[in-house]
C-alpha cells in the first residue's frame, strides 16, 4: 500500500493472547517463516453510485486487510445506506438517487481520509 507516495507495511503482534498463541509466536522464526507481501490498492472513489447501482465496502474504498477494517467499514456503509433509503419509494428513481447522494455525502469523505 502507498501512503504519501511511499510503500507502507504493517506488523501486528498483540500481547495478552491465551495459549497456544504465545507458544506459536515463540516457535516462529521471524527471519525465515514470516513473509512480506505487497498489498495492492487503488484510489478511493468519491462517487459510489450510478443510476440504480450503489457500491459499499471494498468496492468503493479498499483498505488494509488486517483487523477486519474492511468488514467493519462495509457494515457501517450498510447502516448508512439503509438509513439514507429509509422510507424512500424504491420505484422512484429520483428519490433513490437522492438517497444514494445522502449516503455518499455521509461516507465518502470519512472513509477516504488518508492521515
PDB file of N, CA and C in Angstrom:
ATOM      1  N   UNK A   1       0.830  -1.171   0.000  1.00  0.00           N
ATOM      2  CA  UNK A   1       0.000   0.000   0.000  1.00  0.00           C
ATOM      3  C   UNK A   1       0.874   1.232   0.000  1.00  0.00           C
ATOM      4  N   UNK A   2       0.415   2.244  -0.660  1.00  0.00           N
ATOM      5  CA  UNK A   2       1.138   3.509  -0.642  1.00  0.00           C
ATOM      6  C   UNK A   2       0.439   4.479   0.288  1.00  0.00           C
ATOM      7  N   UNK A   3       1.230   5.228   1.011  1.00  0.00           N
ATOM      8  CA  UNK A   3       0.725   6.341   1.804  1.00  0.00           C
ATOM      9  C   UNK A   3       1.694   7.482   1.600  1.00  0.00           C
ATOM     10  N   UNK A   4       1.168   8.613   1.203  1.00  0.00           N
ATOM     11  CA  UNK A   4       2.009   9.756   0.880  1.00  0.00           C
ATOM     12  C   UNK A   4       3.052   9.384  -0.176  1.00  0.00           C
ATOM     13  N   UNK A   5       2.669   8.486  -1.100  1.00  0.00           N
ATOM     14  CA  UNK A   5       3.550   8.096  -2.186  1.00  0.00           C
ATOM     15  C   UNK A   5       4.642   7.118  -1.813  1.00  0.00           C
ATOM     16  N   UNK A   6       4.673   6.638  -0.561  1.00  0.00           N
ATOM     17  CA  UNK A   6       5.721   5.725  -0.107  1.00  0.00           C
ATOM     18  C   UNK A   6       5.101   4.386   0.301  1.00  0.00           C
ATOM     19  N   UNK A   7       5.833   3.277   0.059  1.00  0.00           N
ATOM     20  CA  UNK A   7       5.314   1.965   0.470  1.00  0.00           C
ATOM     21  C   UNK A   7       5.194   1.882   1.996  1.00  0.00           C
ATOM     22  N   UNK A   8       4.127   1.264   2.461  1.00  0.00           N
ATOM     23  CA  UNK A   8       3.905   1.082   3.899  1.00  0.00           C
ATOM     24  C   UNK A   8       3.602  -0.385   4.170  1.00  0.00           C
ATOM     25  N   UNK A   9       4.047  -0.864   5.306  1.00  0.00           N
ATOM     26  CA  UNK A   9       3.794  -2.231   5.725  1.00  0.00           C
ATOM     27  C   UNK A   9       3.325  -2.205   7.161  1.00  0.00           C
ATOM     28  N   UNK A  10       2.546  -3.193   7.540  1.00  0.00           N
ATOM     29  CA  UNK A  10       2.050  -3.273   8.911  1.00  0.00           C
ATOM     30  C   UNK A  10       2.465  -4.597   9.535  1.00  0.00           C
ATOM     31  N   UNK A  11       2.831  -4.558  10.806  1.00  0.00           N
ATOM     32  CA  UNK A  11       3.095  -5.752  11.591  1.00  0.00           C
ATOM     33  C   UNK A  11       2.206  -5.669  12.821  1.00  0.00           C
ATOM     34  N   UNK A  12       1.475  -6.714  13.090  1.00  0.00           N
ATOM     35  CA  UNK A  12       0.582  -6.722  14.244  1.00  0.00           C
ATOM     36  C   UNK A  12       0.858  -7.956  15.090  1.00  0.00           C
ATOM     37  N   UNK A  13       1.427  -7.757  16.255  1.00  0.00           N
ATOM     38  CA  UNK A  13       1.539  -8.817  17.255  1.00  0.00           C
ATOM     39  C   UNK A  13       1.072  -8.190  18.560  1.00  0.00           C
ATOM     40  N   UNK A  14      -0.006  -8.678  19.073  1.00  0.00           N
ATOM     41  CA  UNK A  14      -0.596  -8.113  20.273  1.00  0.00           C
ATOM     42  C   UNK A  14      -0.250  -8.978  21.477  1.00  0.00           C
ATOM     43  N   UNK A  15      -0.192  -8.361  22.631  1.00  0.00           N
ATOM     44  CA  UNK A  15       0.133  -9.081  23.853  1.00  0.00           C
ATOM     45  C   UNK A  15      -1.133  -9.556  24.536  1.00  0.00           C
ATOM     46  N   UNK A  16      -0.963 -10.477  25.449  1.00  0.00           N
ATOM     47  CA  UNK A  16      -2.068 -10.939  26.268  1.00  0.00           C
ATOM     48  C   UNK A  16      -2.900 -12.052  25.640  1.00  0.00           C
ATOM     49  N   UNK A  17      -2.364 -12.723  24.627  1.00  0.00           N
ATOM     50  CA  UNK A  17      -3.091 -13.819  23.992  1.00  0.00           C
ATOM     51  C   UNK A  17      -3.085 -15.040  24.905  1.00  0.00           C
ATOM     52  N   UNK A  18      -4.142 -15.833  24.836  1.00  0.00           N
ATOM     53  CA  UNK A  18      -4.212 -17.104  25.556  1.00  0.00           C
ATOM     54  C   UNK A  18      -3.440 -18.159  24.769  1.00  0.00           C
ATOM     55  N   UNK A  19      -3.021 -19.198  25.455  1.00  0.00           N
ATOM     56  CA  UNK A  19      -2.340 -20.306  24.778  1.00  0.00           C
ATOM     57  C   UNK A  19      -3.309 -20.925  23.775  1.00  0.00           C
ATOM     58  N   UNK A  20      -2.844 -21.358  22.647  1.00  0.00           N
ATOM     59  CA  UNK A  20      -1.457 -21.651  22.281  1.00  0.00           C
ATOM     60  C   UNK A  20      -0.766 -20.523  21.513  1.00  0.00           C
ATOM     61  N   UNK A  21      -1.396 -19.349  21.372  1.00  0.00           N
ATOM     62  CA  UNK A  21      -0.813 -18.284  20.554  1.00  0.00           C
ATOM     63  C   UNK A  21       0.583 -17.885  21.040  1.00  0.00           C
ATOM     64  N   UNK A  22       0.824 -17.659  22.332  1.00  0.00           N
ATOM     65  CA  UNK A  22       2.191 -17.308  22.742  1.00  0.00           C
ATOM     66  C   UNK A  22       3.217 -18.380  22.368  1.00  0.00           C
ATOM     67  N   UNK A  23       2.821 -19.664  22.474  1.00  0.00           N
ATOM     68  CA  UNK A  23       3.746 -20.742  22.082  1.00  0.00           C
ATOM     69  C   UNK A  23       4.019 -20.702  20.585  1.00  0.00           C
ATOM     70  N   UNK A  24       3.007 -20.391  19.786  1.00  0.00           N
ATOM     71  CA  UNK A  24       3.212 -20.295  18.340  1.00  0.00           C
ATOM     72  C   UNK A  24       4.177 -19.166  18.003  1.00  0.00           C
ATOM     73  N   UNK A  25       4.021 -18.014  18.677  1.00  0.00           N
ATOM     74  CA  UNK A  25       4.933 -16.895  18.438  1.00  0.00           C
ATOM     75  C   UNK A  25       6.361 -17.253  18.839  1.00  0.00           C
ATOM     76  N   UNK A  26       6.511 -17.924  19.994  1.00  0.00           N
ATOM     77  CA  UNK A  26       7.846 -18.317  20.456  1.00  0.00           C
ATOM     78  C   UNK A  26       8.491 -19.314  19.507  1.00  0.00           C
ATOM     79  N   UNK A  27       7.691 -20.168  18.873  1.00  0.00           N
ATOM     80  CA  UNK A  27       8.222 -21.192  17.974  1.00  0.00           C
ATOM     81  C   UNK A  27       8.458 -20.677  16.554  1.00  0.00           C
ATOM     82  N   UNK A  28       8.081 -19.445  16.291  1.00  0.00           N
ATOM     83  CA  UNK A  28       8.201 -18.894  14.942  1.00  0.00           C
ATOM     84  C   UNK A  28       9.550 -18.224  14.751  1.00  0.00           C
ATOM     85  N   UNK A  29      10.233 -18.598  13.674  1.00  0.00           N
ATOM     86  CA  UNK A  29      11.466 -17.925  13.278  1.00  0.00           C
ATOM     87  C   UNK A  29      11.054 -16.808  12.310  1.00  0.00           C
ATOM     88  N   UNK A  30      11.027 -15.602  12.796  1.00  0.00           N
ATOM     89  CA  UNK A  30      10.521 -14.482  12.011  1.00  0.00           C
ATOM     90  C   UNK A  30      11.428 -14.149  10.823  1.00  0.00           C
ATOM     91  N   UNK A  31      12.681 -14.588  10.855  1.00  0.00           N
ATOM     92  CA  UNK A  31      13.581 -14.341   9.721  1.00  0.00           C
ATOM     93  C   UNK A  31      13.300 -15.269   8.549  1.00  0.00           C
ATOM     94  N   UNK A  32      12.813 -16.473   8.827  1.00  0.00           N
ATOM     95  CA  UNK A  32      12.628 -17.447   7.742  1.00  0.00           C
ATOM     96  C   UNK A  32      11.185 -17.906   7.564  1.00  0.00           C
ATOM     97  N   UNK A  33      10.316 -17.640   8.519  1.00  0.00           N
ATOM     98  CA  UNK A  33       8.955 -18.182   8.449  1.00  0.00           C
ATOM     99  C   UNK A  33       7.869 -17.122   8.313  1.00  0.00           C
ATOM    100  N   UNK A  34       8.243 -15.879   8.314  1.00  0.00           N
ATOM    101  CA  UNK A  34       7.274 -14.800   8.148  1.00  0.00           C
ATOM    102  C   UNK A  34       7.640 -14.075   6.862  1.00  0.00           C
ATOM    103  N   UNK A  35       6.656 -13.906   6.011  1.00  0.00           N
ATOM    104  CA  UNK A  35       6.910 -13.337   4.695  1.00  0.00           C
ATOM    105  C   UNK A  35       6.183 -12.014   4.527  1.00  0.00           C
ATOM    106  N   UNK A  36       6.784 -11.149   3.775  1.00  0.00           N
ATOM    107  CA  UNK A  36       6.189  -9.856   3.464  1.00  0.00           C
ATOM    108  C   UNK A  36       5.608  -9.929   2.061  1.00  0.00           C
ATOM    109  N   UNK A  37       4.412  -9.402   1.900  1.00  0.00           N
ATOM    110  CA  UNK A  37       3.860  -9.281   0.565  1.00  0.00           C
ATOM    111  C   UNK A  37       3.224  -7.910   0.435  1.00  0.00           C
ATOM    112  N   UNK A  38       3.223  -7.435  -0.775  1.00  0.00           N
ATOM    113  CA  UNK A  38       2.654  -6.120  -1.031  1.00  0.00           C
ATOM    114  C   UNK A  38       1.139  -6.207  -1.077  1.00  0.00           C
ATOM    115  N   UNK A  39       0.520  -5.192  -0.571  1.00  0.00           N
ATOM    116  CA  UNK A  39      -0.922  -5.050  -0.674  1.00  0.00           C
ATOM    117  C   UNK A  39      -1.171  -4.035  -1.770  1.00  0.00           C
ATOM    118  N   UNK A  40      -1.904  -4.430  -2.765  1.00  0.00           N
ATOM    119  CA  UNK A  40      -2.179  -3.535  -3.877  1.00  0.00           C
ATOM    120  C   UNK A  40      -3.464  -2.795  -3.623  1.00  0.00           C
ATOM    121  N   UNK A  41      -3.423  -1.549  -3.851  1.00  0.00           N
ATOM    122  CA  UNK A  41      -4.573  -0.701  -3.592  1.00  0.00           C
ATOM    123  C   UNK A  41      -4.868   0.108  -4.844  1.00  0.00           C
ATOM    124  N   UNK A  42      -6.009   0.688  -4.864  1.00  0.00           N
ATOM    125  CA  UNK A  42      -6.386   1.590  -5.947  1.00  0.00           C
ATOM    126  C   UNK A  42      -6.953   2.841  -5.303  1.00  0.00           C
ATOM    127  N   UNK A  43      -6.997   3.921  -6.033  1.00  0.00           N
ATOM    128  CA  UNK A  43      -7.538   5.148  -5.439  1.00  0.00           C
ATOM    129  C   UNK A  43      -8.984   4.956  -4.992  1.00  0.00           C
ATOM    130  N   UNK A  44      -9.319   5.564  -3.874  1.00  0.00           N
ATOM    131  CA  UNK A  44     -10.706   5.538  -3.410  1.00  0.00           C
ATOM    132  C   UNK A  44     -11.567   6.363  -4.352  1.00  0.00           C
ATOM    133  N   UNK A  45     -12.827   6.031  -4.402  1.00  0.00           N
ATOM    134  CA  UNK A  45     -13.753   6.722  -5.285  1.00  0.00           C
ATOM    135  C   UNK A  45     -14.574   7.732  -4.481  1.00  0.00           C
ATOM    136  N   UNK A  46     -14.827   8.887  -5.072  1.00  0.00           N
ATOM    137  CA  UNK A  46     -15.705   9.887  -4.452  1.00  0.00           C
ATOM    138  C   UNK A  46     -17.162   9.620  -4.803  1.00  0.00           C
ATOM    139  N   UNK A  47     -17.413   9.099  -5.991  1.00  0.00           N
ATOM    140  CA  UNK A  47     -18.771   8.817  -6.453  1.00  0.00           C
ATOM    141  C   UNK A  47     -18.975   7.315  -6.383  1.00  0.00           C
ATOM    142  N   UNK A  48     -19.962   6.874  -5.606  1.00  0.00           N
ATOM    143  CA  UNK A  48     -20.157   5.454  -5.362  1.00  0.00           C
ATOM    144  C   UNK A  48     -21.386   4.885  -6.063  1.00  0.00           C
ATOM    145  N   UNK A  49     -22.126   5.727  -6.759  1.00  0.00           N
ATOM    146  CA  UNK A  49     -23.353   5.234  -7.381  1.00  0.00           C
ATOM    147  C   UNK A  49     -23.472   5.739  -8.807  1.00  0.00           C
ATOM    148  N   UNK A  50     -24.236   4.995  -9.562  1.00  0.00           N
ATOM    149  CA  UNK A  50     -24.628   5.418 -10.896  1.00  0.00           C
ATOM    150  C   UNK A  50     -25.999   4.792 -11.160  1.00  0.00           C
ATOM    151  N   UNK A  51     -26.929   5.619 -11.539  1.00  0.00           N
ATOM    152  CA  UNK A  51     -28.280   5.106 -11.750  1.00  0.00           C
ATOM    153  C   UNK A  51     -28.834   4.447 -10.497  1.00  0.00           C
ATOM    154  N   UNK A  52     -29.261   3.197 -10.640  1.00  0.00           N
ATOM    155  CA  UNK A  52     -29.836   2.468  -9.509  1.00  0.00           C
ATOM    156  C   UNK A  52     -28.833   1.520  -8.848  1.00  0.00           C
ATOM    157  N   UNK A  53     -27.549   1.700  -9.145  1.00  0.00           N
ATOM    158  CA  UNK A  53     -26.494   0.842  -8.588  1.00  0.00           C
ATOM    159  C   UNK A  53     -25.656   1.673  -7.627  1.00  0.00           C
ATOM    160  N   UNK A  54     -25.371   1.099  -6.456  1.00  0.00           N
ATOM    161  CA  UNK A  54     -24.525   1.773  -5.471  1.00  0.00           C
ATOM    162  C   UNK A  54     -23.541   0.757  -4.895  1.00  0.00           C
ATOM    163  N   UNK A  55     -22.334   1.214  -4.606  1.00  0.00           N
ATOM    164  CA  UNK A  55     -21.317   0.334  -4.051  1.00  0.00           C
ATOM    165  C   UNK A  55     -21.167   0.520  -2.553  1.00  0.00           C
ATOM    166  N   UNK A  56     -20.719  -0.534  -1.897  1.00  0.00           N
ATOM    167  CA  UNK A  56     -20.395  -0.490  -0.472  1.00  0.00           C
ATOM    168  C   UNK A  56     -19.082  -1.245  -0.253  1.00  0.00           C
ATOM    169  N   UNK A  57     -18.470  -1.013   0.885  1.00  0.00           N
ATOM    170  CA  UNK A  57     -17.291  -1.773   1.273  1.00  0.00           C
ATOM    171  C   UNK A  57     -16.114  -1.580   0.331  1.00  0.00           C
ATOM    172  N   UNK A  58     -15.356  -2.665   0.146  1.00  0.00           N
ATOM    173  CA  UNK A  58     -14.136  -2.613  -0.664  1.00  0.00           C
ATOM    174  C   UNK A  58     -14.386  -2.231  -2.111  1.00  0.00           C
ATOM    175  N   UNK A  59     -15.601  -2.367  -2.581  1.00  0.00           N
ATOM    176  CA  UNK A  59     -15.892  -1.981  -3.962  1.00  0.00           C
ATOM    177  C   UNK A  59     -15.635  -0.498  -4.185  1.00  0.00           C
ATOM    178  N   UNK A  60     -15.742   0.297  -3.134  1.00  0.00           N
ATOM    179  CA  UNK A  60     -15.576   1.741  -3.291  1.00  0.00           C
ATOM    180  C   UNK A  60     -14.477   2.336  -2.423  1.00  0.00           C
ATOM    181  N   UNK A  61     -14.041   1.627  -1.413  1.00  0.00           N
ATOM    182  CA  UNK A  61     -12.954   2.139  -0.569  1.00  0.00           C
ATOM    183  C   UNK A  61     -12.135   0.977  -0.009  1.00  0.00           C
ATOM    184  N   UNK A  62     -11.184   0.468  -0.815  1.00  0.00           N
ATOM    185  CA  UNK A  62     -10.353  -0.634  -0.340  1.00  0.00           C
ATOM    186  C   UNK A  62      -9.464  -0.204   0.815  1.00  0.00           C
ATOM    187  N   UNK A  63      -9.304  -1.095   1.778  1.00  0.00           N
ATOM    188  CA  UNK A  63      -8.453  -0.816   2.940  1.00  0.00           C
ATOM    189  C   UNK A  63      -7.550  -2.012   3.208  1.00  0.00           C
ATOM    190  N   UNK A  64      -6.618  -1.831   4.101  1.00  0.00           N
ATOM    191  CA  UNK A  64      -5.723  -2.905   4.503  1.00  0.00           C
ATOM    192  C   UNK A  64      -6.530  -4.103   5.005  1.00  0.00           C
ATOM    193  N   UNK A  65      -6.154  -5.316   4.612  1.00  0.00           N
ATOM    194  CA  UNK A  65      -6.917  -6.494   5.022  1.00  0.00           C
ATOM    195  C   UNK A  65      -6.554  -6.991   6.414  1.00  0.00           C
ATOM    196  N   UNK A  66      -6.311  -6.091   7.333  1.00  0.00           N
ATOM    197  CA  UNK A  66      -5.976  -6.509   8.689  1.00  0.00           C
ATOM    198  C   UNK A  66      -7.016  -5.982   9.661  1.00  0.00           C
ATOM    199  N   UNK A  67      -7.141  -6.658  10.744  1.00  0.00           N
ATOM    200  CA  UNK A  67      -8.011  -6.290  11.865  1.00  0.00           C
ATOM    201  C   UNK A  67      -9.455  -5.992  11.461  1.00  0.00           C
ATOM    202  N   UNK A  68      -9.925  -6.613  10.421  1.00  0.00           N
ATOM    203  CA  UNK A  68     -11.332  -6.530   9.989  1.00  0.00           C
ATOM    204  C   UNK A  68     -11.803  -5.116   9.658  1.00  0.00           C
ATOM    205  N   UNK A  69     -10.875  -4.221   9.289  1.00  0.00           N
ATOM    206  CA  UNK A  69     -11.293  -2.879   8.871  1.00  0.00           C
ATOM    207  C   UNK A  69     -12.309  -2.958   7.747  1.00  0.00           C
ATOM    208  N   UNK A  70     -11.992  -3.791   6.775  1.00  0.00           N
ATOM    209  CA  UNK A  70     -12.831  -3.896   5.587  1.00  0.00           C
ATOM    210  C   UNK A  70     -14.251  -4.314   5.946  1.00  0.00           C
ATOM    211  N   UNK A  71     -14.369  -5.354   6.742  1.00  0.00           N
ATOM    212  CA  UNK A  71     -15.690  -5.842   7.141  1.00  0.00           C
ATOM    213  C   UNK A  71     -16.435  -4.788   7.945  1.00  0.00           C
ATOM    214  N   UNK A  72     -15.749  -4.177   8.894  1.00  0.00           N
ATOM    215  CA  UNK A  72     -16.394  -3.168   9.730  1.00  0.00           C
ATOM    216  C   UNK A  72     -16.892  -1.983   8.920  1.00  0.00           C
ATOM    217  N   UNK A  73     -16.075  -1.542   7.962  1.00  0.00           N
ATOM    218  CA  UNK A  73     -16.485  -0.402   7.148  1.00  0.00           C
ATOM    219  C   UNK A  73     -17.639  -0.765   6.227  1.00  0.00           C
ATOM    220  N   UNK A  74     -17.665  -1.995   5.729  1.00  0.00           N
ATOM    221  CA  UNK A  74     -18.781  -2.429   4.888  1.00  0.00           C
ATOM    222  C   UNK A  74     -20.077  -2.475   5.700  1.00  0.00           C
ATOM    223  N   UNK A  75     -19.979  -2.916   6.945  1.00  0.00           N
ATOM    224  CA  UNK A  75     -21.161  -2.935   7.815  1.00  0.00           C
ATOM    225  C   UNK A  75     -21.627  -1.509   8.080  1.00  0.00           C
ATOM    226  N   UNK A  76     -20.681  -0.604   8.350  1.00  0.00           N
ATOM    227  CA  UNK A  76     -21.053   0.805   8.536  1.00  0.00           C
ATOM    228  C   UNK A  76     -21.716   1.357   7.278  1.00  0.00           C
ATOM    229  N   UNK A  77     -21.142   1.048   6.103  1.00  0.00           N
ATOM    230  CA  UNK A  77     -21.750   1.507   4.850  1.00  0.00           C
ATOM    231  C   UNK A  77     -23.192   1.037   4.757  1.00  0.00           C
ATOM    232  N   UNK A  78     -23.427  -0.232   5.059  1.00  0.00           N
ATOM    233  CA  UNK A  78     -24.783  -0.771   5.004  1.00  0.00           C
ATOM    234  C   UNK A  78     -25.736  -0.043   5.929  1.00  0.00           C
ATOM    235  N   UNK A  79     -25.254   0.308   7.109  1.00  0.00           N
ATOM    236  CA  UNK A  79     -26.067   1.051   8.071  1.00  0.00           C
ATOM    237  C   UNK A  79     -26.451   2.423   7.510  1.00  0.00           C
ATOM    238  N   UNK A  80     -25.455   3.147   7.000  1.00  0.00           N
ATOM    239  CA  UNK A  80     -25.730   4.481   6.453  1.00  0.00           C
ATOM    240  C   UNK A  80     -26.604   4.410   5.207  1.00  0.00           C
ATOM    241  N   UNK A  81     -26.380   3.409   4.359  1.00  0.00           N
ATOM    242  CA  UNK A  81     -27.205   3.257   3.164  1.00  0.00           C
ATOM    243  C   UNK A  81     -28.652   2.946   3.545  1.00  0.00           C
ATOM    244  N   UNK A  82     -28.840   2.052   4.511  1.00  0.00           N
ATOM    245  CA  UNK A  82     -30.205   1.723   4.956  1.00  0.00           C
ATOM    246  C   UNK A  82     -30.897   2.955   5.519  1.00  0.00           C
ATOM    247  N   UNK A  83     -30.186   3.752   6.293  1.00  0.00           N
ATOM    248  CA  UNK A  83     -30.791   4.979   6.835  1.00  0.00           C
ATOM    249  C   UNK A  83     -31.125   5.978   5.729  1.00  0.00           C
ATOM    250  N   UNK A  84     -30.240   6.075   4.729  1.00  0.00           N
ATOM    251  CA  UNK A  84     -30.474   7.021   3.638  1.00  0.00           C
ATOM    252  C   UNK A  84     -31.668   6.616   2.776  1.00  0.00           C
ATOM    253  N   UNK A  85     -31.961   5.322   2.736  1.00  0.00           N
ATOM    254  CA  UNK A  85     -33.083   4.837   1.930  1.00  0.00           C
ATOM    255  C   UNK A  85     -34.335   4.553   2.758  1.00  0.00           C
ATOM    256  N   UNK A  86     -34.256   4.771   4.058  1.00  0.00           N
ATOM    257  CA  UNK A  86     -35.410   4.513   4.931  1.00  0.00           C
ATOM    258  C   UNK A  86     -36.595   5.378   4.512  1.00  0.00           C
ATOM    259  N   UNK A  87     -37.700   4.746   4.196  1.00  0.00           N
ATOM    260  CA  UNK A  87     -38.913   5.465   3.816  1.00  0.00           C
ATOM    261  C   UNK A  87     -38.943   5.916   2.366  1.00  0.00           C
ATOM    262  N   UNK A  88     -37.885   5.637   1.604  1.00  0.00           N
ATOM    263  CA  UNK A  88     -37.819   6.056   0.205  1.00  0.00           C
ATOM    264  C   UNK A  88     -38.607   5.064  -0.653  1.00  0.00           C
ATOM    265  N   UNK A  89     -39.395   5.588  -1.577  1.00  0.00           N
ATOM    266  CA  UNK A  89     -40.098   4.750  -2.553  1.00  0.00           C
ATOM    267  C   UNK A  89     -39.059   4.250  -3.551  1.00  0.00           C
ATOM    268  N   UNK A  90     -38.726   2.968  -3.484  1.00  0.00           N
ATOM    269  CA  UNK A  90     -37.662   2.420  -4.321  1.00  0.00           C
ATOM    270  C   UNK A  90     -38.037   2.357  -5.800  1.00  0.00           C
ATOM    271  N   UNK A  91     -39.288   2.643  -6.120  1.00  0.00           N
ATOM    272  CA  UNK A  91     -39.704   2.737  -7.528  1.00  0.00           C
ATOM    273  C   UNK A  91     -39.445   4.132  -8.094  1.00  0.00           C
ATOM    274  N   UNK A  92     -39.163   5.097  -7.220  1.00  0.00           N
ATOM    275  CA  UNK A  92     -38.921   6.485  -7.624  1.00  0.00           C
ATOM    276  C   UNK A  92     -37.417   6.685  -7.815  1.00  0.00           C
ATOM    277  N   UNK A  93     -36.984   6.687  -9.070  1.00  0.00           N
ATOM    278  CA  UNK A  93     -35.552   6.760  -9.373  1.00  0.00           C
ATOM    279  C   UNK A  93     -34.914   8.010  -8.786  1.00  0.00           C
ATOM    280  N   UNK A  94     -35.607   9.132  -8.837  1.00  0.00           N
ATOM    281  CA  UNK A  94     -35.033  10.372  -8.281  1.00  0.00           C
ATOM    282  C   UNK A  94     -34.880  10.277  -6.767  1.00  0.00           C
ATOM    283  N   UNK A  95     -35.844   9.672  -6.103  1.00  0.00           N
ATOM    284  CA  UNK A  95     -35.761   9.528  -4.646  1.00  0.00           C
ATOM    285  C   UNK A  95     -34.626   8.585  -4.263  1.00  0.00           C
ATOM    286  N   UNK A  96     -34.463   7.519  -5.025  1.00  0.00           N
ATOM    287  CA  UNK A  96     -33.365   6.579  -4.771  1.00  0.00           C
ATOM    288  C   UNK A  96     -32.028   7.283  -5.001  1.00  0.00           C
ATOM    289  N   UNK A  97     -31.915   8.036  -6.082  1.00  0.00           N
ATOM    290  CA  UNK A  97     -30.678   8.777  -6.351  1.00  0.00           C
ATOM    291  C   UNK A  97     -30.371   9.764  -5.229  1.00  0.00           C
ATOM    292  N   UNK A  98     -31.394  10.419  -4.713  1.00  0.00           N
ATOM    293  CA  UNK A  98     -31.196  11.348  -3.596  1.00  0.00           C
ATOM    294  C   UNK A  98     -30.719  10.598  -2.357  1.00  0.00           C
ATOM    295  N   UNK A  99     -31.254   9.409  -2.125  1.00  0.00           N
ATOM    296  CA  UNK A  99     -30.791   8.583  -1.006  1.00  0.00           C
ATOM    297  C   UNK A  99     -29.338   8.181  -1.175  1.00  0.00           C
ATOM    298  N   UNK A 100     -28.972   7.795  -2.402  1.00  0.00           N
ATOM    299  CA  UNK A 100     -27.576   7.448  -2.679  1.00  0.00           C
ATOM    300  C   UNK A 100     -26.664   8.649  -2.444  1.00  0.00           C
ATOM    301  N   UNK A 101     -27.096   9.831  -2.869  1.00  0.00           N
ATOM    302  CA  UNK A 101     -26.280  11.034  -2.679  1.00  0.00           C
ATOM    303  C   UNK A 101     -26.087  11.333  -1.192  1.00  0.00           C
ATOM    304  N   UNK A 102     -27.134  11.150  -0.400  1.00  0.00           N
ATOM    305  CA  UNK A 102     -27.020  11.349   1.052  1.00  0.00           C
ATOM    306  C   UNK A 102     -26.013  10.360   1.634  1.00  0.00           C
ATOM    307  N   UNK A 103     -26.146   9.098   1.266  1.00  0.00           N
ATOM    308  CA  UNK A 103     -25.211   8.060   1.724  1.00  0.00           C
ATOM    309  C   UNK A 103     -23.772   8.409   1.356  1.00  0.00           C
ATOM    310  N   UNK A 104     -23.541   8.808   0.102  1.00  0.00           N
ATOM    311  CA  UNK A 104     -22.197   9.182  -0.336  1.00  0.00           C
ATOM    312  C   UNK A 104     -21.675  10.395   0.429  1.00  0.00           C
ATOM    313  N   UNK A 105     -22.541  11.365   0.668  1.00  0.00           N
ATOM    314  CA  UNK A 105     -22.126  12.574   1.395  1.00  0.00           C
ATOM    315  C   UNK A 105     -21.716  12.234   2.822  1.00  0.00           C
ATOM    316  N   UNK A 106     -22.378  11.257   3.411  1.00  0.00           N
ATOM    317  CA  UNK A 106     -22.062  10.882   4.791  1.00  0.00           C
ATOM    318  C   UNK A 106     -20.814  10.018   4.895  1.00  0.00           C
ATOM    319  N   UNK A 107     -20.511   9.238   3.861  1.00  0.00           N
ATOM    320  CA  UNK A 107     -19.449   8.245   3.977  1.00  0.00           C
ATOM    321  C   UNK A 107     -18.172   8.540   3.193  1.00  0.00           C
ATOM    322  N   UNK A 108     -18.281   9.081   1.986  1.00  0.00           N
ATOM    323  CA  UNK A 108     -17.113   9.161   1.095  1.00  0.00           C
ATOM    324  C   UNK A 108     -15.951   9.922   1.716  1.00  0.00           C
ATOM    325  N   UNK A 109     -16.180  11.113   2.214  1.00  0.00           N
ATOM    326  CA  UNK A 109     -15.073  11.875   2.798  1.00  0.00           C
ATOM    327  C   UNK A 109     -14.504  11.180   4.036  1.00  0.00           C
ATOM    328  N   UNK A 110     -15.374  10.585   4.838  1.00  0.00           N
ATOM    329  CA  UNK A 110     -14.939   9.917   6.071  1.00  0.00           C
ATOM    330  C   UNK A 110     -13.998   8.749   5.760  1.00  0.00           C
ATOM    331  N   UNK A 111     -14.386   7.881   4.826  1.00  0.00           N
ATOM    332  CA  UNK A 111     -13.556   6.694   4.559  1.00  0.00           C
ATOM    333  C   UNK A 111     -12.357   6.990   3.674  1.00  0.00           C
ATOM    334  N   UNK A 112     -12.340   8.137   3.013  1.00  0.00           N
ATOM    335  CA  UNK A 112     -11.221   8.492   2.145  1.00  0.00           C
ATOM    336  C   UNK A 112     -10.136   9.271   2.866  1.00  0.00           C
ATOM    337  N   UNK A 113     -10.235   9.429   4.177  1.00  0.00           N
ATOM    338  CA  UNK A 113      -9.196  10.123   4.944  1.00  0.00           C
ATOM    339  C   UNK A 113      -7.921   9.307   4.870  1.00  0.00           C
ATOM    340  N   UNK A 114      -6.810   9.927   4.544  1.00  0.00           N
ATOM    341  CA  UNK A 114      -5.551   9.199   4.392  1.00  0.00           C
ATOM    342  C   UNK A 114      -4.555   9.472   5.513  1.00  0.00           C
ATOM    343  N   UNK A 115      -4.860  10.341   6.430  1.00  0.00           N
ATOM    344  CA  UNK A 115      -3.917  10.623   7.534  1.00  0.00           C
ATOM    345  C   UNK A 115      -4.370   9.955   8.800  1.00  0.00           C
TER     346      UNK A 115
END
